[in-house]
Structure formats: structure tokens, C-alpha cells
C-alpha atoms as a PDB file:
ATOM      1  CA  MET A   1      85.022 192.035  -8.979  1.00  0.00           C
ATOM      2  CA  LYS A   2      82.083 189.897  -7.830  1.00  0.00           C
ATOM      3  CA  GLY A   3      84.503 187.398  -6.282  1.00  0.00           C
ATOM      4  CA  ALA A   4      86.222 190.179  -4.308  1.00  0.00           C
ATOM      5  CA  THR A   5      82.842 191.403  -3.007  1.00  0.00           C
ATOM      6  CA  VAL A   6      81.885 187.901  -1.886  1.00  0.00           C
ATOM      7  CA  LEU A   7      85.281 187.436  -0.205  1.00  0.00           C
ATOM      8  CA  LEU A   8      84.936 190.759   1.611  1.00  0.00           C
ATOM      9  CA  SER A   9      81.468 189.796   2.815  1.00  0.00           C
ATOM     10  CA  VAL A  10      82.743 186.444   4.112  1.00  0.00           C
ATOM     11  CA  LEU A  11      85.680 188.088   5.878  1.00  0.00           C
ATOM     12  CA  THR A  12      83.392 190.693   7.442  1.00  0.00           C
ATOM     13  CA  ARG A  13      81.073 188.011   8.819  1.00  0.00           C
ATOM     14  CA  LEU A  14      84.059 186.033  10.112  1.00  0.00           C
ATOM     15  CA  LEU A  15      85.537 189.060  11.874  1.00  0.00           C
ATOM     16  CA  ASP A  16      82.120 189.944  13.317  1.00  0.00           C
ATOM     17  CA  SER A  17      81.810 186.462  14.798  1.00  0.00           C
ATOM     18  CA  LEU A  18      85.333 186.517  16.261  1.00  0.00           C
ATOM     19  CA  PHE A  19      85.364 190.178  17.329  1.00  0.00           C
ATOM     20  CA  PRO A  20      81.752 191.368  17.576  1.00  0.00           C
ATOM     21  CA  ARG A  21      81.387 195.115  17.254  1.00  0.00           C
ATOM     22  CA  ARG A  22      79.843 196.808  20.273  1.00  0.00           C
ATOM     23  CA  CYS A  23      77.774 199.956  20.283  1.00  0.00           C
ATOM     24  CA  VAL A  24      79.557 202.874  21.955  1.00  0.00           C
ATOM     25  CA  GLY A  25      76.213 203.955  23.400  1.00  0.00           C
ATOM     26  CA  CYS A  26      74.753 200.860  25.045  1.00  0.00           C
ATOM     27  CA  GLY A  27      77.464 198.222  24.669  1.00  0.00           C
ATOM     28  CA  GLN A  28      75.182 195.866  22.767  1.00  0.00           C
ATOM     29  CA  ARG A  29      76.243 194.259  19.524  1.00  0.00           C
ATOM     30  CA  ALA A  30      76.153 196.684  16.586  1.00  0.00           C
ATOM     31  CA  SER A  31      75.735 195.235  13.111  1.00  0.00           C
ATOM     32  CA  LEU A  32      77.331 198.221  11.383  1.00  0.00           C
ATOM     33  CA  GLY A  33      79.876 200.772  12.533  1.00  0.00           C
ATOM     34  CA  LEU A  34      80.255 202.016  16.092  1.00  0.00           C
ATOM     35  CA  ILE A  35      76.669 202.469  17.096  1.00  0.00           C
ATOM     36  CA  CYS A  36      73.413 200.537  17.004  1.00  0.00           C
ATOM     37  CA  SER A  37      70.237 201.816  15.361  1.00  0.00           C
ATOM     38  CA  ARG A  38      68.620 202.433  18.768  1.00  0.00           C
ATOM     39  CA  CYS A  39      71.438 204.720  19.979  1.00  0.00           C
ATOM     40  CA  ARG A  40      72.249 206.425  16.670  1.00  0.00           C
ATOM     41  CA  PRO A  41      71.852 210.186  17.161  1.00  0.00           C
ATOM     42  CA  VAL A  42      69.614 212.159  14.855  1.00  0.00           C
ATOM     43  CA  LYS A  43      70.714 215.531  13.505  1.00  0.00           C
ATOM     44  CA  THR A  44      68.281 218.215  14.665  1.00  0.00           C
ATOM     45  CA  GLU A  45      67.670 221.927  14.192  1.00  0.00           C
ATOM     46  CA  LEU A  46      69.607 224.312  16.403  1.00  0.00           C
ATOM     47  CA  THR A  47      68.009 225.651  19.586  1.00  0.00           C
ATOM     48  CA  ARG A  48      68.396 229.353  20.403  1.00  0.00           C
ATOM     49  CA  PHE A  49      69.288 230.377  23.956  1.00  0.00           C
ATOM     50  CA  GLU A  50      70.914 233.309  25.762  1.00  0.00           C
ATOM     51  CA  ALA A  51      74.479 232.567  24.590  1.00  0.00           C
ATOM     52  CA  GLY A  52      73.627 231.686  21.008  1.00  0.00           C
ATOM     53  CA  TYR A  53      72.743 228.213  19.736  1.00  0.00           C
ATOM     54  CA  PHE A  54      73.139 224.581  20.713  1.00  0.00           C
ATOM     55  CA  GLY A  55      72.400 221.331  18.979  1.00  0.00           C
ATOM     56  CA  TYR A  56      71.790 218.651  21.625  1.00  0.00           C
ATOM     57  CA  PRO A  57      71.412 218.145  25.371  1.00  0.00           C
ATOM     58  CA  TYR A  58      74.599 217.042  27.086  1.00  0.00           C
ATOM     59  CA  GLU A  59      73.284 213.607  27.967  1.00  0.00           C
ATOM     60  CA  GLY A  60      72.948 210.084  26.634  1.00  0.00           C
ATOM     61  CA  ILE A  61      74.816 209.242  23.463  1.00  0.00           C
ATOM     62  CA  TYR A  62      75.936 212.849  22.908  1.00  0.00           C
ATOM     63  CA  ARG A  63      77.690 212.949  26.274  1.00  0.00           C
ATOM     64  CA  LYS A  64      79.164 209.483  25.716  1.00  0.00           C
ATOM     65  CA  LEU A  65      80.628 210.352  22.315  1.00  0.00           C
ATOM     66  CA  LEU A  66      82.311 213.521  23.618  1.00  0.00           C
ATOM     67  CA  HIS A  67      83.706 211.684  26.637  1.00  0.00           C
ATOM     68  CA  ASP A  68      85.075 208.935  24.408  1.00  0.00           C
ATOM     69  CA  LEU A  69      86.876 211.501  22.269  1.00  0.00           C
ATOM     70  CA  LYS A  70      88.144 213.845  24.983  1.00  0.00           C
ATOM     71  CA  PHE A  71      88.943 211.523  27.864  1.00  0.00           C
ATOM     72  CA  SER A  72      89.355 208.066  26.319  1.00  0.00           C
ATOM     73  CA  HIS A  73      91.080 209.496  23.223  1.00  0.00           C
ATOM     74  CA  ARG A  74      88.921 207.470  20.834  1.00  0.00           C
ATOM     75  CA  ARG A  75      89.479 209.046  17.424  1.00  0.00           C
ATOM     76  CA  ASP A  76      87.175 206.482  15.799  1.00  0.00           C
ATOM     77  CA  VAL A  77      84.103 208.359  17.128  1.00  0.00           C
ATOM     78  CA  LEU A  78      85.195 211.620  15.492  1.00  0.00           C
ATOM     79  CA  PRO A  79      83.378 211.129  12.144  1.00  0.00           C
ATOM     80  CA  LEU A  80      80.126 210.446  14.014  1.00  0.00           C
ATOM     81  CA  ILE A  81      80.554 213.590  16.153  1.00  0.00           C
ATOM     82  CA  ARG A  82      81.400 215.681  13.085  1.00  0.00           C
ATOM     83  CA  SER A  83      78.229 214.475  11.384  1.00  0.00           C
ATOM     84  CA  LEU A  84      76.256 216.217  14.159  1.00  0.00           C
ATOM     85  CA  VAL A  85      77.859 219.632  13.600  1.00  0.00           C
ATOM     86  CA  ASN A  86      75.527 222.096  11.889  1.00  0.00           C
ATOM     87  CA  THR A  87      77.783 224.145   9.610  1.00  0.00           C
ATOM     88  CA  ASP A  88      74.843 225.955   7.969  1.00  0.00           C
ATOM     89  CA  ILE A  89      75.118 228.585  10.685  1.00  0.00           C
ATOM     90  CA  TYR A  90      78.676 229.509   9.660  1.00  0.00           C
ATOM     91  CA  ALA A  91      77.521 231.494   6.631  1.00  0.00           C
ATOM     92  CA  SER A  92      75.962 234.174   8.848  1.00  0.00           C
ATOM     93  CA  TYR A  93      79.309 235.153  10.400  1.00  0.00           C
ATOM     94  CA  ASP A  94      82.585 236.707   9.279  1.00  0.00           C
ATOM     95  CA  PHE A  95      84.686 234.515  11.570  1.00  0.00           C
ATOM     96  CA  VAL A  96      84.142 231.122  13.219  1.00  0.00           C
ATOM     97  CA  ILE A  97      86.454 230.796  16.243  1.00  0.00           C
ATOM     98  CA  PRO A  98      86.931 227.523  18.167  1.00  0.00           C
ATOM     99  CA  VAL A  99      87.503 228.076  21.890  1.00  0.00           C
ATOM    100  CA  PRO A 100      91.314 227.942  22.033  1.00  0.00           C
ATOM    101  CA  SER A 101      93.093 225.492  24.297  1.00  0.00           C
ATOM    102  CA  HIS A 102      96.490 226.051  25.900  1.00  0.00           C
ATOM    103  CA  TRP A 103      99.406 224.308  24.190  1.00  0.00           C
ATOM    104  CA  LEU A 104     100.023 222.237  27.348  1.00  0.00           C
ATOM    105  CA  ARG A 105      96.429 220.999  27.239  1.00  0.00           C
ATOM    106  CA  ARG A 106      96.874 219.999  23.597  1.00  0.00           C
ATOM    107  CA  LEU A 107     100.035 218.153  24.598  1.00  0.00           C
ATOM    108  CA  GLU A 108      98.166 216.306  27.363  1.00  0.00           C
ATOM    109  CA  HIS A 109      95.358 215.262  25.016  1.00  0.00           C
ATOM    110  CA  GLY A 110      97.619 214.620  22.059  1.00  0.00           C
ATOM    111  CA  CYS A 111      95.233 216.817  20.045  1.00  0.00           C
ATOM    112  CA  ASP A 112      92.813 219.722  20.272  1.00  0.00           C
ATOM    113  CA  PRO A 113      89.345 218.096  20.418  1.00  0.00           C
ATOM    114  CA  ILE A 114      87.480 221.340  19.640  1.00  0.00           C
ATOM    115  CA  HIS A 115      89.599 221.953  16.557  1.00  0.00           C
ATOM    116  CA  LEU A 116      89.077 218.344  15.424  1.00  0.00           C
ATOM    117  CA  ILE A 117      85.307 218.501  15.867  1.00  0.00           C
ATOM    118  CA  PHE A 118      84.666 221.835  14.165  1.00  0.00           C
ATOM    119  CA  GLN A 119      87.663 221.793  11.785  1.00  0.00           C
ATOM    120  CA  GLN A 120      88.202 225.522  12.085  1.00  0.00           C
ATOM    121  CA  GLN A 121      91.480 227.417  11.974  1.00  0.00           C
ATOM    122  CA  ARG A 122      93.271 228.276  15.206  1.00  0.00           C
ATOM    123  CA  GLY A 123      95.607 231.207  15.754  1.00  0.00           C
ATOM    124  CA  ARG A 124      93.461 234.355  15.727  1.00  0.00           C
ATOM    125  CA  VAL A 125      92.831 233.998  19.456  1.00  0.00           C
ATOM    126  CA  ASN A 126      95.181 232.239  21.882  1.00  0.00           C
ATOM    127  CA  ARG A 127      94.873 230.966  25.412  1.00  0.00           C
ATOM    128  CA  CYS A 128      97.790 232.617  27.182  1.00  0.00           C
ATOM    129  CA  ARG A 129      97.504 230.902  30.570  1.00  0.00           C
ATOM    130  CA  TYR A 130      97.145 227.245  31.518  1.00  0.00           C
ATOM    131  CA  THR A 131      94.128 226.380  33.680  1.00  0.00           C
ATOM    132  CA  PRO A 132      93.053 223.089  35.262  1.00  0.00           C
ATOM    133  CA  ALA A 133      90.361 221.016  33.582  1.00  0.00           C
ATOM    134  CA  PHE A 134      87.063 222.822  34.166  1.00  0.00           C
ATOM    135  CA  HIS A 135      84.856 219.730  34.320  1.00  0.00           C
ATOM    136  CA  THR A 136      86.095 219.175  37.897  1.00  0.00           C
ATOM    137  CA  LEU A 137      85.404 222.763  39.029  1.00  0.00           C
ATOM    138  CA  GLY A 138      82.340 224.669  40.237  1.00  0.00           C
ATOM    139  CA  LYS A 139      80.814 227.780  38.677  1.00  0.00           C
ATOM    140  CA  ASP A 140      82.637 230.329  40.850  1.00  0.00           C
ATOM    141  CA  GLU A 141      86.023 228.629  40.408  1.00  0.00           C
ATOM    142  CA  ARG A 142      85.590 228.556  36.649  1.00  0.00           C
ATOM    143  CA  ALA A 143      84.671 232.232  36.504  1.00  0.00           C
ATOM    144  CA  LYS A 144      87.718 233.194  38.565  1.00  0.00           C
ATOM    145  CA  LEU A 145      90.243 231.079  36.665  1.00  0.00           C
ATOM    146  CA  ILE A 146      89.077 232.054  33.179  1.00  0.00           C
ATOM    147  CA  ARG A 147      89.614 235.799  33.649  1.00  0.00           C
ATOM    148  CA  GLN A 148      92.024 237.324  31.126  1.00  0.00           C
ATOM    149  CA  VAL A 149      93.229 233.982  29.735  1.00  0.00           C
ATOM    150  CA  PHE A 150      92.540 234.876  26.079  1.00  0.00           C
ATOM    151  CA  VAL A 151      94.517 237.204  23.827  1.00  0.00           C
ATOM    152  CA  VAL A 152      93.576 238.288  20.287  1.00  0.00           C
ATOM    153  CA  THR A 153      96.622 237.994  18.034  1.00  0.00           C
ATOM    154  CA  SER A 154      95.268 240.131  15.171  1.00  0.00           C
ATOM    155  CA  PRO A 155      92.706 242.574  16.626  1.00  0.00           C
ATOM    156  CA  GLU A 156      92.497 244.563  13.372  1.00  0.00           C
ATOM    157  CA  MET A 157      90.830 241.536  11.734  1.00  0.00           C
ATOM    158  CA  PHE A 158      87.846 241.723  14.078  1.00  0.00           C
ATOM    159  CA  LYS A 159      86.951 245.410  13.686  1.00  0.00           C
ATOM    160  CA  GLY A 160      83.213 245.502  12.991  1.00  0.00           C
ATOM    161  CA  ALA A 161      83.073 241.721  12.421  1.00  0.00           C
ATOM    162  CA  ASN A 162      80.318 239.304  13.348  1.00  0.00           C
ATOM    163  CA  VAL A 163      81.954 236.388  15.164  1.00  0.00           C
ATOM    164  CA  LEU A 164      80.743 232.915  16.053  1.00  0.00           C
ATOM    165  CA  ILE A 165      82.489 231.064  18.896  1.00  0.00           C
ATOM    166  CA  VAL A 166      82.200 227.275  18.621  1.00  0.00           C
ATOM    167  CA  ASP A 167      82.640 224.796  21.481  1.00  0.00           C
ATOM    168  CA  ASP A 168      81.607 221.245  22.310  1.00  0.00           C
ATOM    169  CA  ILE A 169      79.757 221.850  25.607  1.00  0.00           C
ATOM    170  CA  TYR A 170      78.056 224.829  27.228  1.00  0.00           C
ATOM    171  CA  THR A 171      77.985 224.411  31.004  1.00  0.00           C
ATOM    172  CA  THR A 172      78.224 227.564  33.149  1.00  0.00           C
ATOM    173  CA  GLY A 173      79.085 229.862  30.227  1.00  0.00           C
ATOM    174  CA  ALA A 174      82.170 231.326  31.965  1.00  0.00           C
ATOM    175  CA  THR A 175      84.557 230.476  29.127  1.00  0.00           C
ATOM    176  CA  PHE A 176      82.177 231.762  26.462  1.00  0.00           C
ATOM    177  CA  ARG A 177      81.527 235.053  28.265  1.00  0.00           C
ATOM    178  CA  GLU A 178      85.250 235.697  28.782  1.00  0.00           C
ATOM    179  CA  LEU A 179      86.119 234.950  25.154  1.00  0.00           C
ATOM    180  CA  LYS A 180      83.149 237.003  23.938  1.00  0.00           C
ATOM    181  CA  GLN A 181      84.265 240.024  25.966  1.00  0.00           C
ATOM    182  CA  THR A 182      87.836 239.638  24.681  1.00  0.00           C
ATOM    183  CA  LEU A 183      86.580 239.711  21.084  1.00  0.00           C
ATOM    184  CA  LEU A 184      84.252 242.661  21.733  1.00  0.00           C
ATOM    185  CA  ASN A 185      87.179 244.539  23.294  1.00  0.00           C
ATOM    186  CA  ALA A 186      89.138 243.820  20.103  1.00  0.00           C
ATOM    187  CA  GLY A 187      86.424 245.550  18.081  1.00  0.00           C
ATOM    188  CA  ALA A 188      84.006 242.780  17.063  1.00  0.00           C
ATOM    189  CA  ALA A 189      80.493 244.059  16.359  1.00  0.00           C
ATOM    190  CA  THR A 190      78.653 240.943  17.538  1.00  0.00           C
ATOM    191  CA  VAL A 191      79.690 237.667  19.153  1.00  0.00           C
ATOM    192  CA  ASP A 192      77.454 234.592  19.381  1.00  0.00           C
ATOM    193  CA  GLY A 193      78.128 231.032  20.463  1.00  0.00           C
ATOM    194  CA  TYR A 194      77.394 227.697  18.846  1.00  0.00           C
ATOM    195  CA  PHE A 195      77.719 224.690  21.124  1.00  0.00           C
ATOM    196  CA  LEU A 196      77.347 221.090  20.031  1.00  0.00           C
ATOM    197  CA  THR A 197      75.729 220.269  23.394  1.00  0.00           C
ATOM    198  CA  ARG A 198      74.314 222.140  26.385  1.00  0.00           C
ATOM    199  CA  ALA A 199      74.429 220.824  29.962  1.00  0.00           C
END
């Protein structure tokens, strides 16, 4: 057993010298994992705001990690992102609903990033119309395109329920407000949002 540990240590040092690991945050050499000690994010308490709660500002390493997952399709950053999710808040709600993506969007990405981050069940609410990527659009365009894109598949489940919508980024709030209204129309008693980051 000791010999195997020594061999593993030697191999690790050899691989590090041949293929040095770089921090996803600053690009400098990282001795362990994907991120250096300077860039490593720290889990914090949630901040309350008008739409609900958020964990971190959408900047720096938090922005970089989400971009790497969503646009560069780097699944290796997923455990680090998941470690930032505050699941303590879930216990206060009857349902935790990830913002649903259209099936064509999931096909484009090869996955559903929101579902991967929060690890919550899809299917109670669907996105019934495909929309272009919102990160390229302004506030008014987002608000117009998001109207009536969500449909509740089992409205009887939400009667009198307290619901938490989870999403990776809060920007203009158009998507959250539309999904919130859809759930309230289905009979939910309260609807709050929890966002990993806020722009």
C-alpha cells in the first residue's frame, strides 16, 4: 500500500511537470485541482433582494466558472460550481423548480446547465417556445420574447404551494418574473427565486 502511494505521488509530480495544471480563474499554475488558492471562491451567506436570494456577484471567478460550463462546455468545473450552491434554503419550500430550457437549447448545449448545477427534477414546468440566447439581448427584447413561453404540466400540484425558482444568473429578471407569474396563475401561494449569481 505504501509503495502504491509513493508511486502515485511520483506519477503526479511527473504529470505536473509535463502538463502543469492551470487555474481556471487566472491561468497561473495551480498545485491542486482546477483553481489556485488566490482564486478559490468562498461559500457565503445568501443575500436577500427583490426577487428572492442570490449567492455571489456575477463577476470574477463566479462569472468565469459559469461561462466555462455553459459556453465552453467544461464539465470539469461542475463540482466546483455545485459546491457553491446553498441547498439549505430548499427546506423552506414545497417545490424547487429550475428555470426550464427548451429541448432545442438542451440539444445545442449537449446538456441542461441549470439542471446540472442545481440537480433538481425537470418536468413540472416546460418551456414551450424556443427563444434566442438572452445574453445577447437587451432588457426590452428579453421581456418581449419571454412572454408566455412557460407551461405548467401539472397545475394541481402547485395549489397553495410555496415554490422556489432556481437559476444560475439574475440579470434583468424578465425570465424569473414570467415563470413566477405562470406558477402563481397555476395556484402557487408564493414564488421566490434563488440565483447562484446576480449581475
